[in-house]
Amino acid sequence: MSLNRNPKILILATGGTIASKSTDKGFVPQISGIELLQLIPEIANQTRVDVNQLMNIDSSDMQVSDWQKIARACQDAIEQKYSAIIITHGTDTMCYTASALSFLLPDLKIPIILTGSQKPAVLSDSDGPQNMKDAFCVANSKLKGVYIVFNHKIILGSRAYKMYTQNFDAYISRNYPYVGYVKDEKIEILTYPKILNSKNIPNQDVGQFELCPEVALLKVTPATKPEFLSFIGKSGYQGIVIEGFGTGGISNLNHGMLDEIEHIISKCNIPIIMISQCMYEGVNLAVYGVGDQAAKAGVISGNDMTTEIAIVKLMWLLARTKDMEQIKKAIAYNFCDEITDDL
């Protein structure tokens, strides 16, 4: 569909379950954004709604370069004076994309809404049409920033977490209140989140959409060996996010692990961020000795960030600075309500 001169709302279609049809290989994205819109006449009959088919993939195939492509398309739409952008997206990595857009699109004056479904929109019992209707309600609101709208909830993009694989109530807002709810086409907004301010971005000479994809995630277990961390450090990664135990514990008895962590940080200049495997609250490395030792080895607290936002934030920072002290300060800084102040 060609873009109108003065459109109001843009749908960026990227695929996902909402755009899928059944095949002999399972559900595969096959429906275009225009076809998807036609399945929802309440929306299709609205004027000044345009569609941009950006891609049509399963969100499990989404790459860092795809986040950048989506961000650029959003920026183009903002410059074309769209009043809101709705991104139809697969549910499995929607939180990653929402996190990336939260950092790649500063100073937002419009809502950017990601939505999708747990069942394809072509099915009679799909949750897709209702999620789309709710997304359009939010698109017509006064909210600014990046959000996931799903099962009547409005969730800040930097705090969204997928809780269920099949349940329609797929997402929760982790360590942050719900921004609001949509019910019977009426919106209840409970809070207006902080939006990334371009003045706070480190090293503004770097391009807006730059990310360093070389960030690894390690979820420690009682059986994790230091050699595994050593392998990550030697594999070209420039940053590591560790999911530790509880408030940020790593085995105190496995001295090789802490030695390897200290080596990677001090000798290889690779920052390591600690977040918690627990669903709620977050990391406080000062509570237990195991956390204190991790901090003394140079591990940076990720506070109560989600895994997705911690990874994206580190990618974003590493594209702008390799200075360990700057990264440490920036990880602790609250750019877009992705982290709780003074936890």
Protein backbone atom coordinates (compact mmCIF):
# COMPACT_ATOMS: atom_id res chain seq x y z
CA MET A 1 0.00 0.00 0.00
CA SER A 2 1.44 3.35 -0.95
CA LEU A 3 1.96 5.94 1.76
CA ASN A 4 -0.38 8.90 1.81
CA ARG A 5 0.90 12.41 2.04
CA ASN A 6 -0.60 13.15 5.43
CA PRO A 7 -1.33 9.84 7.12
CA LYS A 8 -2.16 9.53 10.77
CA ILE A 9 -1.21 6.00 11.84
CA LEU A 10 1.35 3.69 10.26
CA ILE A 11 1.35 -0.07 10.65
CA LEU A 12 4.83 -1.59 10.33
CA ALA A 13 4.27 -5.27 9.58
CA THR A 14 7.10 -7.66 10.48
CA GLY A 15 5.39 -11.06 10.54
CA GLY A 16 5.01 -13.25 13.61
CA THR A 17 2.17 -15.51 14.72
CA ILE A 18 -0.43 -12.84 14.03
CA ALA A 19 0.50 -13.00 10.32
CA SER A 20 0.85 -16.79 10.14
CA LYS A 21 -0.96 -19.55 8.30
CA SER A 22 -0.84 -23.30 8.87
CA THR A 23 1.57 -25.23 6.64
CA ASP A 24 3.00 -28.74 6.63
CA LYS A 25 5.90 -27.25 8.63
CA GLY A 26 3.68 -25.61 11.24
CA PHE A 27 2.56 -22.00 11.43
CA VAL A 28 4.59 -19.72 9.15
CA PRO A 29 4.20 -15.95 8.58
CA GLN A 30 2.47 -15.57 5.21
CA ILE A 31 -0.16 -12.85 5.58
CA SER A 32 0.80 -9.35 4.51
CA GLY A 33 0.14 -6.34 6.67
CA ILE A 34 -2.58 -5.21 4.24
CA GLU A 35 -4.30 -8.61 4.45
CA LEU A 36 -4.01 -8.52 8.22
CA LEU A 37 -5.65 -5.11 8.32
CA GLN A 38 -8.49 -6.33 6.11
CA LEU A 39 -9.25 -9.06 8.65
CA ILE A 40 -10.17 -6.30 11.11
CA PRO A 41 -12.79 -4.13 9.37
CA GLU A 42 -13.18 -1.87 12.40
CA ILE A 43 -9.63 -0.71 11.76
CA ALA A 44 -9.48 -1.13 7.98
CA ASN A 45 -12.43 1.23 7.53
CA GLN A 46 -10.66 4.01 9.40
CA THR A 47 -9.16 6.70 7.24
CA ARG A 48 -5.52 7.70 7.21
CA VAL A 49 -4.12 4.28 8.14
CA ASP A 50 -1.13 3.12 6.10
CA VAL A 51 0.83 -0.12 6.00
CA ASN A 52 4.53 -0.67 5.46
CA GLN A 53 5.47 -4.33 5.00
CA LEU A 54 8.95 -4.19 6.47
CA MET A 55 9.53 -7.96 6.67
CA ASN A 56 7.50 -11.13 7.19
CA ILE A 57 9.41 -13.44 9.50
CA ASP A 58 9.05 -15.48 12.64
CA SER A 59 10.33 -13.33 15.48
CA SER A 60 12.71 -16.13 16.48
CA ASP A 61 14.58 -15.21 13.29
CA MET A 62 14.80 -11.54 14.29
CA GLN A 63 18.38 -10.26 14.35
CA VAL A 64 20.03 -7.13 15.75
CA SER A 65 20.10 -5.71 12.21
CA ASP A 66 16.32 -6.14 12.08
CA TRP A 67 15.90 -4.02 15.22
CA GLN A 68 17.91 -1.32 13.47
CA LYS A 69 15.80 -1.66 10.32
CA ILE A 70 12.61 -1.27 12.36
CA ALA A 71 14.06 1.72 14.23
CA ARG A 72 15.01 3.44 10.97
CA ALA A 73 11.52 2.83 9.58
CA CYS A 74 10.04 4.35 12.74
CA GLN A 75 12.30 7.38 12.45
CA ASP A 76 11.27 7.84 8.80
CA ALA A 77 7.61 7.64 9.84
CA ILE A 78 8.17 10.22 12.59
CA GLU A 79 9.74 12.57 10.05
CA GLN A 80 6.71 12.01 7.80
CA LYS A 81 4.53 13.28 10.67
CA TYR A 82 2.71 10.10 11.57
CA SER A 83 0.94 10.52 14.89
CA ALA A 84 1.49 6.89 15.95
CA ILE A 85 3.18 3.69 14.80
CA ILE A 86 1.87 0.17 15.37
CA ILE A 87 4.33 -2.67 14.84
CA THR A 88 2.88 -6.13 14.33
CA HIS A 89 5.48 -8.56 15.63
CA GLY A 90 6.01 -12.12 16.78
CA THR A 91 5.70 -12.61 20.52
CA ASP A 92 8.87 -14.59 21.24
CA THR A 93 11.35 -11.72 20.80
CA MET A 94 8.99 -8.77 20.99
CA CYS A 95 10.56 -7.68 24.30
CA TYR A 96 14.00 -7.48 22.64
CA THR A 97 12.68 -5.29 19.84
CA ALA A 98 10.77 -3.08 22.28
CA SER A 99 13.94 -2.72 24.35
CA ALA A 100 16.02 -1.81 21.29
CA LEU A 101 13.52 0.81 20.10
CA SER A 102 13.49 2.33 23.59
CA PHE A 103 17.19 3.18 23.18
CA LEU A 104 17.36 3.82 19.44
CA LEU A 105 14.51 6.35 19.31
CA PRO A 106 15.12 9.24 21.73
CA ASP A 107 12.87 12.23 22.36
CA LEU A 108 9.72 10.45 21.21
CA LYS A 109 6.65 12.62 20.86
CA ILE A 110 4.34 9.84 19.67
CA PRO A 111 3.43 6.31 20.83
CA ILE A 112 5.17 3.37 19.18
CA ILE A 113 3.16 0.25 19.94
CA LEU A 114 4.19 -3.35 19.44
CA THR A 115 1.50 -6.00 19.37
CA GLY A 116 0.85 -9.47 18.01
CA SER A 117 -1.00 -12.59 19.02
CA GLN A 118 -0.68 -16.07 20.47
CA LYS A 119 -2.88 -17.49 17.72
CA PRO A 120 -2.82 -16.50 14.01
CA ALA A 121 -5.29 -13.77 13.10
CA VAL A 122 -6.89 -16.00 10.46
CA LEU A 123 -8.25 -18.31 13.18
CA SER A 124 -11.72 -17.60 14.55
CA ASP A 125 -10.51 -17.73 18.17
CA SER A 126 -7.40 -15.60 17.61
CA ASP A 127 -6.46 -12.91 20.08
CA GLY A 128 -4.85 -10.91 17.27
CA PRO A 129 -7.83 -8.77 16.19
CA GLN A 130 -8.53 -7.64 19.74
CA ASN A 131 -4.89 -6.83 20.38
CA MET A 132 -4.86 -4.77 17.18
CA LYS A 133 -7.99 -2.90 18.23
CA ASP A 134 -6.44 -2.15 21.62
CA ALA A 135 -3.23 -1.01 19.93
CA PHE A 136 -5.24 1.47 17.85
CA CYS A 137 -6.87 2.80 20.99
CA VAL A 138 -3.44 3.47 22.47
CA ALA A 139 -2.28 4.93 19.15
CA ASN A 140 -4.98 7.57 19.55
CA SER A 141 -3.96 8.40 23.12
CA LYS A 142 -1.58 11.05 24.46
CA LEU A 143 1.07 8.50 25.45
CA LYS A 144 4.61 8.95 24.17
CA GLY A 145 7.27 6.26 24.05
CA VAL A 146 7.58 2.55 23.25
CA TYR A 147 4.95 0.11 24.52
CA ILE A 148 3.70 -3.43 24.16
CA VAL A 149 -0.09 -3.63 24.07
CA PHE A 150 -1.34 -7.14 24.70
CA ASN A 151 -4.43 -8.66 26.34
CA HIS A 152 -5.76 -5.22 27.30
CA LYS A 153 -2.51 -4.24 29.06
CA ILE A 154 -0.26 -1.31 28.22
CA ILE A 155 3.30 -2.29 29.16
CA LEU A 156 6.39 -0.11 28.98
CA GLY A 157 8.67 -1.56 26.28
CA SER A 158 11.75 -1.51 28.49
CA ARG A 159 9.99 -3.51 31.23
CA ALA A 160 8.01 -6.11 29.27
CA TYR A 161 8.57 -9.81 29.91
CA LYS A 162 6.93 -12.76 28.14
CA MET A 163 5.51 -15.01 30.85
CA TYR A 164 3.53 -17.60 28.89
CA THR A 165 4.09 -19.51 25.66
CA GLN A 166 0.40 -19.96 24.79
CA ASN A 167 -1.80 -18.08 27.27
CA PHE A 168 -3.39 -14.96 25.79
CA ASP A 169 -2.18 -13.02 28.84
CA ALA A 170 1.35 -13.50 27.59
CA TYR A 171 3.19 -10.51 29.06
CA ILE A 172 3.81 -8.92 32.41
CA SER A 173 5.42 -5.64 33.38
CA ARG A 174 8.48 -6.65 35.37
CA ASN A 175 9.51 -4.50 38.34
CA TYR A 176 7.45 -1.59 37.03
CA PRO A 177 3.73 -0.74 37.21
CA TYR A 178 1.49 -1.28 34.21
CA VAL A 179 1.27 1.92 32.21
CA GLY A 180 -2.45 1.34 31.79
CA TYR A 181 -5.25 -0.81 30.47
CA VAL A 182 -7.63 -0.85 27.50
CA LYS A 183 -11.21 -1.94 28.15
CA ASP A 184 -14.21 -1.52 25.87
CA GLU A 185 -12.18 0.83 23.66
CA LYS A 186 -11.48 3.10 26.63
CA ILE A 187 -8.00 3.70 27.99
CA GLU A 188 -7.02 4.02 31.62
CA ILE A 189 -3.51 5.45 31.92
CA LEU A 190 -1.88 4.96 35.32
CA THR A 191 1.55 6.43 34.72
CA TYR A 192 3.53 8.36 32.11
CA PRO A 193 6.99 6.77 31.83
CA LYS A 194 10.33 8.44 31.31
CA ILE A 195 11.49 8.71 27.68
CA LEU A 196 15.11 8.64 26.55
CA ASN A 197 16.39 12.19 26.25
CA SER A 198 18.97 12.68 23.51
CA LYS A 199 20.88 15.07 25.79
CA ASN A 200 21.72 12.12 28.06
CA ILE A 201 23.15 9.90 25.32
CA PRO A 202 26.91 9.31 25.71
CA ASN A 203 29.16 10.11 22.73
CA GLN A 204 26.61 11.70 20.45
CA ASP A 205 29.01 11.53 17.51
CA VAL A 206 28.01 7.88 17.10
CA GLY A 207 25.15 7.19 14.69
CA GLN A 208 21.69 7.00 16.22
CA PHE A 209 21.06 3.39 15.24
CA GLU A 210 24.46 1.94 16.14
CA LEU A 211 24.53 -1.18 18.34
CA CYS A 212 27.35 -3.54 19.27
CA PRO A 213 25.86 -7.03 18.76
CA GLU A 214 28.80 -8.76 20.47
CA VAL A 215 27.13 -9.18 23.86
CA ALA A 216 26.80 -12.65 25.40
CA LEU A 217 24.38 -13.96 28.02
CA LEU A 218 25.42 -16.52 30.62
CA LYS A 219 22.94 -18.04 33.06
CA VAL A 220 25.04 -19.52 35.84
CA THR A 221 24.17 -22.84 37.46
CA PRO A 222 25.85 -24.76 40.28
CA ALA A 223 27.64 -26.70 37.52
CA THR A 224 28.95 -23.75 35.49
CA LYS A 225 32.70 -24.00 34.92
CA PRO A 226 35.13 -21.07 34.62
CA GLU A 227 36.21 -22.47 31.24
CA PHE A 228 32.80 -21.62 29.84
CA LEU A 229 33.23 -17.97 30.79
CA SER A 230 36.78 -18.06 29.45
CA PHE A 231 35.47 -19.36 26.12
CA ILE A 232 33.00 -16.47 25.91
CA GLY A 233 35.77 -13.99 26.67
CA LYS A 234 37.93 -15.40 23.87
CA SER A 235 35.12 -15.58 21.30
CA GLY A 236 35.06 -11.95 20.26
CA TYR A 237 32.36 -10.76 22.62
CA GLN A 238 32.79 -7.23 23.94
CA GLY A 239 30.31 -7.47 26.80
CA ILE A 240 28.70 -10.14 28.98
CA VAL A 241 25.43 -10.23 30.91
CA ILE A 242 25.33 -12.81 33.70
CA GLU A 243 22.10 -14.06 35.22
CA GLY A 244 23.22 -14.75 38.78
CA PHE A 245 21.48 -16.34 41.75
CA GLY A 246 19.10 -14.30 43.89
CA THR A 247 20.44 -10.82 44.63
CA GLY A 248 23.47 -11.48 42.45
CA GLY A 249 25.38 -14.50 43.65
CA ILE A 250 28.10 -16.49 41.90
CA SER A 251 29.66 -19.54 43.55
CA ASN A 252 32.06 -18.41 46.26
CA LEU A 253 33.73 -21.81 46.47
CA ASN A 254 34.59 -21.93 42.78
CA HIS A 255 37.53 -19.51 42.99
CA GLY A 256 38.34 -20.12 39.35
CA MET A 257 35.08 -18.46 38.32
CA LEU A 258 35.78 -15.22 40.18
CA ASP A 259 39.38 -15.23 38.98
CA GLU A 260 38.18 -15.62 35.39
CA ILE A 261 35.65 -12.83 35.84
CA GLU A 262 38.31 -10.49 37.19
CA HIS A 263 40.64 -11.39 34.30
CA ILE A 264 37.99 -10.75 31.66
CA ILE A 265 37.10 -7.38 33.16
CA SER A 266 40.54 -6.03 34.06
CA LYS A 267 42.74 -7.61 31.38
CA CYS A 268 40.35 -7.91 28.45
CA ASN A 269 38.34 -4.74 29.21
CA ILE A 270 35.06 -6.62 28.79
CA PRO A 271 32.29 -5.30 31.05
CA ILE A 272 30.20 -7.89 32.91
CA ILE A 273 26.71 -6.94 34.07
CA MET A 274 24.92 -8.96 36.75
CA ILE A 275 21.15 -9.39 36.73
CA SER A 276 19.01 -11.81 38.72
CA GLN A 277 17.47 -15.10 37.67
CA CYS A 278 14.57 -14.20 39.96
CA MET A 279 11.46 -12.73 38.36
CA TYR A 280 11.00 -9.78 40.69
CA GLU A 281 13.03 -7.21 42.59
CA GLY A 282 16.63 -7.44 41.42
CA VAL A 283 20.34 -7.48 42.13
CA ASN A 284 22.00 -5.99 45.19
CA LEU A 285 25.61 -7.11 45.33
CA ALA A 286 26.06 -5.72 48.86
CA VAL A 287 23.64 -8.15 50.54
CA TYR A 288 25.73 -11.35 50.60
CA GLY A 289 29.39 -12.17 50.56
CA VAL A 290 29.12 -13.94 47.21
CA GLY A 291 27.73 -10.78 45.68
CA ASP A 292 30.30 -8.59 47.38
CA GLN A 293 33.10 -10.72 45.96
CA ALA A 294 31.58 -10.42 42.49
CA ALA A 295 31.50 -6.63 42.88
CA LYS A 296 35.11 -6.57 44.03
CA ALA A 297 36.02 -8.59 40.93
CA GLY A 298 34.53 -5.75 38.86
CA VAL A 299 31.01 -7.03 38.12
CA ILE A 300 28.51 -4.21 37.53
CA SER A 301 25.07 -4.45 39.11
CA GLY A 302 22.21 -4.52 36.64
CA ASN A 303 19.79 -3.66 39.40
CA ASP A 304 16.25 -4.80 38.45
CA MET A 305 16.58 -4.73 34.66
CA THR A 306 15.06 -7.48 32.54
CA THR A 307 17.42 -9.75 30.64
CA GLU A 308 16.35 -8.21 27.34
CA ILE A 309 16.89 -4.60 28.36
CA ALA A 310 20.23 -5.39 30.04
CA ILE A 311 21.54 -6.98 26.84
CA VAL A 312 20.25 -4.19 24.60
CA LYS A 313 21.47 -1.44 26.94
CA LEU A 314 24.96 -2.91 26.97
CA MET A 315 24.91 -3.25 23.15
CA TRP A 316 23.86 0.39 22.91
CA LEU A 317 26.53 1.60 25.34
CA LEU A 318 29.36 -0.43 23.81
CA ALA A 319 28.62 1.16 20.45
CA ARG A 320 29.29 4.52 22.10
CA THR A 321 32.12 3.90 24.54
CA LYS A 322 34.57 1.22 25.64
CA ASP A 323 35.52 3.12 28.79
CA MET A 324 34.74 0.87 31.75
CA GLU A 325 33.96 3.71 34.17
CA GLN A 326 31.60 5.38 31.71
CA ILE A 327 29.82 2.08 31.12
CA LYS A 328 29.52 1.44 34.86
CA LYS A 329 27.92 4.85 35.42
CA ALA A 330 25.66 4.53 32.40
CA ILE A 331 24.42 1.06 33.39
CA ALA A 332 23.26 2.53 36.70
CA TYR A 333 21.63 5.54 35.01
CA ASN A 334 17.91 5.45 34.35
CA PHE A 335 17.50 6.49 30.70
CA CYS A 336 13.94 5.33 29.94
CA ASP A 337 12.57 3.78 33.14
CA GLU A 338 14.45 0.57 32.33
CA ILE A 339 15.99 0.53 35.80
CA THR A 340 14.76 1.60 39.22
CA ASP A 341 16.60 4.49 40.80
CA ASP A 342 18.21 3.87 44.18
CA LEU A 343 17.19 0.22 44.52
